[in-house]
Amino acid sequence: MVHRIRLRCLPRLLLVEDLELFGRARKRFGVAEADFGHETASPELRALVEHEVARSRRLFAAAGPAIAAAPAAVRPGIRLACAVYESVLDRVEAAGYDVLGRRMGVRFWRLPLLAFGALRP
């Protein structure tokens, strides 16, 4: 029973840990709450976003063994999710890390390409 409770709490604990990491990085880069209310990102906010993109890319790069260890039936879905999120990171980089005032989601026309790539073993 204790393990079940811990597993249910894990996503919340990871979110809290991630928010704490982001909060520390935000302080380190000198990003204030008001920086998020502008139409374009300040140099400090761009530097923070660049840092977070690099951190995300490292996490995705390290996910290979976990994906390989997952049941074969779910691997394409995991690879698709990773490809979609990495595509968002590509758009953030292409925008010069200015994520304010524009959408950073995946372009609809890219979804079939990402899905096809996720089918590979």
N, C-alpha and C. Protein backbone atom coordinates (compact mmCIF):
# COMPACT_ATOMS: atom_id res chain seq x y z
N MET A 1 0.82 -1.19 0.00
CA MET A 1 0.00 0.00 0.00
C MET A 1 0.87 1.26 0.00
N VAL A 2 1.96 1.26 0.75
CA VAL A 2 2.84 2.43 0.81
C VAL A 2 3.43 2.70 -0.57
N HIS A 3 3.83 1.65 -1.27
CA HIS A 3 4.40 1.84 -2.61
C HIS A 3 3.38 2.44 -3.56
N ARG A 4 2.14 2.01 -3.46
CA ARG A 4 1.09 2.55 -4.33
C ARG A 4 0.90 4.05 -4.08
N ILE A 5 0.91 4.43 -2.81
CA ILE A 5 0.77 5.84 -2.47
C ILE A 5 1.96 6.63 -3.01
N ARG A 6 3.16 6.10 -2.86
CA ARG A 6 4.35 6.79 -3.35
C ARG A 6 4.29 6.94 -4.86
N LEU A 7 3.86 5.91 -5.57
CA LEU A 7 3.78 5.99 -7.03
C LEU A 7 2.77 7.04 -7.47
N ARG A 8 1.64 7.12 -6.75
CA ARG A 8 0.64 8.13 -7.10
C ARG A 8 1.18 9.54 -6.84
N CYS A 9 2.01 9.70 -5.85
CA CYS A 9 2.56 11.02 -5.51
C CYS A 9 3.74 11.40 -6.39
N LEU A 10 4.33 10.44 -7.07
CA LEU A 10 5.54 10.70 -7.86
C LEU A 10 5.37 11.82 -8.88
N PRO A 11 4.30 11.83 -9.70
CA PRO A 11 4.19 12.95 -10.66
C PRO A 11 4.15 14.31 -9.97
N ARG A 12 3.46 14.41 -8.84
CA ARG A 12 3.41 15.69 -8.13
C ARG A 12 4.78 16.04 -7.56
N LEU A 13 5.50 15.05 -7.05
CA LEU A 13 6.83 15.31 -6.51
C LEU A 13 7.78 15.75 -7.62
N LEU A 14 7.70 15.11 -8.78
CA LEU A 14 8.55 15.51 -9.90
C LEU A 14 8.21 16.92 -10.35
N LEU A 15 6.94 17.26 -10.38
CA LEU A 15 6.53 18.60 -10.77
C LEU A 15 7.06 19.62 -9.78
N VAL A 16 6.96 19.32 -8.50
CA VAL A 16 7.47 20.24 -7.49
C VAL A 16 8.98 20.40 -7.63
N GLU A 17 9.68 19.30 -7.84
CA GLU A 17 11.14 19.36 -8.02
C GLU A 17 11.49 20.19 -9.26
N ASP A 18 10.76 19.98 -10.36
CA ASP A 18 11.01 20.73 -11.58
C ASP A 18 10.72 22.22 -11.38
N LEU A 19 9.65 22.53 -10.66
CA LEU A 19 9.34 23.93 -10.38
C LEU A 19 10.42 24.56 -9.51
N GLU A 20 10.96 23.80 -8.58
CA GLU A 20 12.03 24.33 -7.74
C GLU A 20 13.28 24.59 -8.58
N LEU A 21 13.62 23.66 -9.49
CA LEU A 21 14.76 23.88 -10.39
C LEU A 21 14.55 25.12 -11.23
N PHE A 22 13.35 25.28 -11.77
CA PHE A 22 13.04 26.44 -12.60
C PHE A 22 13.13 27.72 -11.77
N GLY A 23 12.63 27.68 -10.55
CA GLY A 23 12.69 28.86 -9.68
C GLY A 23 14.12 29.27 -9.39
N ARG A 24 14.98 28.29 -9.13
CA ARG A 24 16.39 28.60 -8.89
C ARG A 24 17.05 29.17 -10.14
N ALA A 25 16.75 28.58 -11.29
CA ALA A 25 17.31 29.09 -12.55
C ALA A 25 16.80 30.50 -12.83
N ARG A 26 15.54 30.72 -12.55
CA ARG A 26 14.95 32.06 -12.76
C ARG A 26 15.69 33.11 -11.93
N LYS A 27 15.99 32.79 -10.70
CA LYS A 27 16.74 33.71 -9.86
C LYS A 27 18.15 33.92 -10.41
N ARG A 28 18.78 32.81 -10.81
CA ARG A 28 20.15 32.89 -11.31
C ARG A 28 20.24 33.77 -12.56
N PHE A 29 19.21 33.72 -13.42
CA PHE A 29 19.22 34.51 -14.64
C PHE A 29 18.61 35.90 -14.45
N GLY A 30 18.12 36.19 -13.25
CA GLY A 30 17.58 37.51 -12.95
C GLY A 30 16.25 37.80 -13.63
N VAL A 31 15.40 36.78 -13.76
CA VAL A 31 14.10 36.94 -14.40
C VAL A 31 13.04 37.19 -13.33
N ALA A 32 12.37 38.33 -13.44
CA ALA A 32 11.31 38.69 -12.50
C ALA A 32 9.96 38.25 -13.04
N GLU A 33 8.99 38.17 -12.16
CA GLU A 33 7.62 37.80 -12.57
C GLU A 33 7.11 38.74 -13.66
N ALA A 34 7.43 40.01 -13.56
CA ALA A 34 6.97 41.01 -14.54
C ALA A 34 7.52 40.74 -15.95
N ASP A 35 8.66 40.05 -16.05
CA ASP A 35 9.25 39.75 -17.36
C ASP A 35 8.33 38.88 -18.22
N PHE A 36 7.45 38.14 -17.59
CA PHE A 36 6.54 37.27 -18.34
C PHE A 36 5.34 38.02 -18.91
N GLY A 37 5.16 39.27 -18.52
CA GLY A 37 4.01 40.05 -18.97
C GLY A 37 4.27 40.93 -20.17
N HIS A 38 5.45 40.90 -20.73
CA HIS A 38 5.80 41.74 -21.87
C HIS A 38 5.45 41.04 -23.19
N GLU A 39 5.44 41.81 -24.27
CA GLU A 39 5.16 41.22 -25.59
C GLU A 39 6.35 40.47 -26.15
N THR A 40 7.55 40.88 -25.79
CA THR A 40 8.76 40.17 -26.22
C THR A 40 9.60 39.87 -25.00
N ALA A 41 10.43 38.86 -25.13
CA ALA A 41 11.25 38.41 -24.00
C ALA A 41 12.46 39.31 -23.82
N SER A 42 12.77 39.56 -22.57
CA SER A 42 13.97 40.31 -22.22
C SER A 42 15.19 39.43 -22.47
N PRO A 43 16.38 40.01 -22.54
CA PRO A 43 17.59 39.18 -22.68
C PRO A 43 17.73 38.16 -21.55
N GLU A 44 17.33 38.54 -20.34
CA GLU A 44 17.41 37.62 -19.20
C GLU A 44 16.46 36.44 -19.39
N LEU A 45 15.24 36.73 -19.84
CA LEU A 45 14.27 35.66 -20.06
C LEU A 45 14.72 34.76 -21.21
N ARG A 46 15.25 35.34 -22.27
CA ARG A 46 15.76 34.52 -23.38
C ARG A 46 16.87 33.59 -22.91
N ALA A 47 17.76 34.10 -22.06
CA ALA A 47 18.85 33.26 -21.53
C ALA A 47 18.29 32.13 -20.68
N LEU A 48 17.27 32.42 -19.88
CA LEU A 48 16.63 31.38 -19.07
C LEU A 48 15.99 30.33 -19.95
N VAL A 49 15.26 30.76 -20.98
CA VAL A 49 14.61 29.80 -21.87
C VAL A 49 15.66 28.97 -22.61
N GLU A 50 16.74 29.58 -23.03
CA GLU A 50 17.82 28.83 -23.69
C GLU A 50 18.38 27.77 -22.75
N HIS A 51 18.57 28.14 -21.50
CA HIS A 51 19.05 27.19 -20.48
C HIS A 51 18.07 26.03 -20.33
N GLU A 52 16.77 26.32 -20.26
CA GLU A 52 15.75 25.29 -20.09
C GLU A 52 15.64 24.39 -21.32
N VAL A 53 15.80 24.97 -22.51
CA VAL A 53 15.78 24.17 -23.74
C VAL A 53 16.95 23.19 -23.73
N ALA A 54 18.13 23.68 -23.37
CA ALA A 54 19.30 22.79 -23.31
C ALA A 54 19.11 21.69 -22.29
N ARG A 55 18.53 22.03 -21.13
CA ARG A 55 18.26 21.02 -20.10
C ARG A 55 17.27 19.98 -20.61
N SER A 56 16.23 20.44 -21.30
CA SER A 56 15.24 19.52 -21.87
C SER A 56 15.86 18.60 -22.90
N ARG A 57 16.73 19.15 -23.75
CA ARG A 57 17.38 18.33 -24.77
C ARG A 57 18.26 17.25 -24.13
N ARG A 58 18.93 17.60 -23.05
CA ARG A 58 19.75 16.59 -22.35
C ARG A 58 18.87 15.47 -21.80
N LEU A 59 17.71 15.83 -21.25
CA LEU A 59 16.79 14.82 -20.72
C LEU A 59 16.27 13.91 -21.83
N PHE A 60 15.90 14.50 -22.97
CA PHE A 60 15.43 13.69 -24.09
C PHE A 60 16.54 12.78 -24.60
N ALA A 61 17.76 13.29 -24.67
CA ALA A 61 18.88 12.48 -25.16
C ALA A 61 19.15 11.30 -24.23
N ALA A 62 18.91 11.49 -22.95
CA ALA A 62 19.16 10.42 -21.97
C ALA A 62 18.00 9.43 -21.89
N ALA A 63 16.91 9.69 -22.58
CA ALA A 63 15.72 8.84 -22.47
C ALA A 63 15.81 7.55 -23.28
N GLY A 64 16.79 7.44 -24.15
CA GLY A 64 16.91 6.26 -25.02
C GLY A 64 16.81 4.93 -24.29
N PRO A 65 17.60 4.70 -23.25
CA PRO A 65 17.51 3.43 -22.54
C PRO A 65 16.14 3.17 -21.92
N ALA A 66 15.49 4.20 -21.41
CA ALA A 66 14.16 4.02 -20.82
C ALA A 66 13.14 3.66 -21.90
N ILE A 67 13.26 4.29 -23.06
CA ILE A 67 12.35 3.96 -24.17
C ILE A 67 12.57 2.52 -24.60
N ALA A 68 13.83 2.12 -24.70
CA ALA A 68 14.14 0.75 -25.12
C ALA A 68 13.63 -0.27 -24.11
N ALA A 69 13.58 0.10 -22.84
CA ALA A 69 13.13 -0.82 -21.79
C ALA A 69 11.61 -0.89 -21.69
N ALA A 70 10.92 0.04 -22.31
CA ALA A 70 9.45 0.06 -22.26
C ALA A 70 8.90 -1.09 -23.11
N PRO A 71 7.68 -1.52 -22.82
CA PRO A 71 7.07 -2.56 -23.65
C PRO A 71 7.00 -2.11 -25.11
N ALA A 72 7.24 -3.03 -26.01
CA ALA A 72 7.30 -2.71 -27.44
C ALA A 72 6.04 -2.00 -27.94
N ALA A 73 4.91 -2.35 -27.39
CA ALA A 73 3.64 -1.78 -27.85
C ALA A 73 3.53 -0.28 -27.57
N VAL A 74 4.23 0.21 -26.54
CA VAL A 74 4.11 1.63 -26.20
C VAL A 74 5.27 2.48 -26.71
N ARG A 75 6.33 1.86 -27.19
CA ARG A 75 7.50 2.62 -27.65
C ARG A 75 7.17 3.64 -28.73
N PRO A 76 6.37 3.29 -29.75
CA PRO A 76 6.07 4.32 -30.77
C PRO A 76 5.37 5.55 -30.18
N GLY A 77 4.49 5.35 -29.22
CA GLY A 77 3.81 6.48 -28.58
C GLY A 77 4.78 7.35 -27.80
N ILE A 78 5.71 6.72 -27.12
CA ILE A 78 6.72 7.47 -26.37
C ILE A 78 7.61 8.24 -27.33
N ARG A 79 8.04 7.57 -28.41
CA ARG A 79 8.88 8.25 -29.40
C ARG A 79 8.14 9.41 -30.06
N LEU A 80 6.83 9.24 -30.31
CA LEU A 80 6.04 10.32 -30.89
C LEU A 80 5.99 11.50 -29.93
N ALA A 81 5.74 11.24 -28.66
CA ALA A 81 5.69 12.33 -27.68
C ALA A 81 7.03 13.05 -27.62
N CYS A 82 8.12 12.31 -27.59
CA CYS A 82 9.45 12.93 -27.57
C CYS A 82 9.67 13.77 -28.83
N ALA A 83 9.29 13.25 -29.99
CA ALA A 83 9.48 13.98 -31.24
C ALA A 83 8.66 15.27 -31.26
N VAL A 84 7.44 15.22 -30.75
CA VAL A 84 6.59 16.41 -30.71
C VAL A 84 7.23 17.46 -29.80
N TYR A 85 7.65 17.04 -28.61
CA TYR A 85 8.24 18.00 -27.68
C TYR A 85 9.56 18.55 -28.22
N GLU A 86 10.37 17.70 -28.86
CA GLU A 86 11.62 18.19 -29.43
C GLU A 86 11.35 19.15 -30.59
N SER A 87 10.28 18.94 -31.32
CA SER A 87 9.89 19.86 -32.38
C SER A 87 9.52 21.23 -31.80
N VAL A 88 8.88 21.23 -30.66
CA VAL A 88 8.57 22.49 -29.98
C VAL A 88 9.88 23.19 -29.58
N LEU A 89 10.84 22.42 -29.07
CA LEU A 89 12.13 23.01 -28.71
C LEU A 89 12.81 23.62 -29.94
N ASP A 90 12.70 22.95 -31.09
CA ASP A 90 13.26 23.50 -32.33
C ASP A 90 12.64 24.85 -32.65
N ARG A 91 11.32 24.96 -32.50
CA ARG A 91 10.63 26.23 -32.78
C ARG A 91 11.05 27.31 -31.80
N VAL A 92 11.24 26.95 -30.55
CA VAL A 92 11.68 27.92 -29.55
C VAL A 92 13.07 28.44 -29.92
N GLU A 93 13.96 27.55 -30.32
CA GLU A 93 15.30 27.97 -30.74
C GLU A 93 15.22 28.87 -31.97
N ALA A 94 14.41 28.48 -32.94
CA ALA A 94 14.28 29.26 -34.18
C ALA A 94 13.73 30.66 -33.90
N ALA A 95 12.96 30.81 -32.84
CA ALA A 95 12.39 32.11 -32.48
C ALA A 95 13.35 32.93 -31.62
N GLY A 96 14.58 32.47 -31.48
CA GLY A 96 15.55 33.19 -30.66
C GLY A 96 15.21 33.16 -29.18
N TYR A 97 14.51 32.11 -28.76
CA TYR A 97 14.12 31.89 -27.37
C TYR A 97 13.12 32.93 -26.86
N ASP A 98 12.48 33.64 -27.78
CA ASP A 98 11.44 34.60 -27.40
C ASP A 98 10.10 33.88 -27.48
N VAL A 99 9.63 33.39 -26.35
CA VAL A 99 8.40 32.59 -26.31
C VAL A 99 7.18 33.41 -25.94
N LEU A 100 7.35 34.71 -25.81
CA LEU A 100 6.23 35.59 -25.48
C LEU A 100 5.61 36.12 -26.77
N GLY A 101 4.31 36.20 -26.81
CA GLY A 101 3.63 36.83 -27.94
C GLY A 101 3.53 35.98 -29.20
N ARG A 102 3.96 34.74 -29.17
CA ARG A 102 3.80 33.86 -30.32
C ARG A 102 3.66 32.42 -29.84
N ARG A 103 2.99 31.64 -30.65
CA ARG A 103 2.75 30.23 -30.29
C ARG A 103 3.96 29.40 -30.67
N MET A 104 4.30 28.48 -29.81
CA MET A 104 5.46 27.63 -30.05
C MET A 104 5.08 26.18 -30.33
N GLY A 105 3.79 25.91 -30.51
CA GLY A 105 3.35 24.54 -30.73
C GLY A 105 3.84 23.97 -32.05
N VAL A 106 3.58 22.70 -32.24
CA VAL A 106 3.96 22.00 -33.45
C VAL A 106 3.02 22.40 -34.58
N ARG A 107 3.57 22.66 -35.72
CA ARG A 107 2.77 22.96 -36.90
C ARG A 107 2.00 21.69 -37.30
N PHE A 108 0.75 21.89 -37.66
CA PHE A 108 -0.12 20.75 -38.00
C PHE A 108 0.49 19.88 -39.10
N TRP A 109 1.08 20.50 -40.11
CA TRP A 109 1.63 19.75 -41.23
C TRP A 109 2.82 18.88 -40.84
N ARG A 110 3.44 19.15 -39.67
CA ARG A 110 4.60 18.34 -39.23
C ARG A 110 4.18 17.05 -38.52
N LEU A 111 2.94 16.98 -38.06
CA LEU A 111 2.50 15.81 -37.29
C LEU A 111 2.65 14.49 -38.04
N PRO A 112 2.24 14.39 -39.32
CA PRO A 112 2.44 13.11 -40.01
C PRO A 112 3.91 12.71 -40.11
N LEU A 113 4.79 13.68 -40.31
CA LEU A 113 6.22 13.37 -40.38
C LEU A 113 6.74 12.86 -39.04
N LEU A 114 6.29 13.50 -37.97
CA LEU A 114 6.71 13.06 -36.64
C LEU A 114 6.16 11.68 -36.32
N ALA A 115 4.91 11.45 -36.70
CA ALA A 115 4.29 10.14 -36.44
C ALA A 115 5.00 9.04 -37.23
N PHE A 116 5.34 9.32 -38.46
CA PHE A 116 6.05 8.33 -39.29
C PHE A 116 7.40 8.00 -38.66
N GLY A 117 8.11 9.04 -38.20
CA GLY A 117 9.41 8.81 -37.56
C GLY A 117 9.29 8.01 -36.27
N ALA A 118 8.19 8.11 -35.57
CA ALA A 118 7.99 7.40 -34.32
C ALA A 118 7.77 5.91 -34.53
N LEU A 119 7.43 5.51 -35.74
CA LEU A 119 7.18 4.10 -36.02
C LEU A 119 8.46 3.28 -36.16
N ARG A 120 9.57 3.97 -36.37
CA ARG A 120 10.84 3.24 -36.53
C ARG A 120 11.22 2.56 -35.22
N PRO A 121 11.90 1.41 -35.34
CA PRO A 121 12.30 0.71 -34.11
C PRO A 121 13.43 1.40 -33.38
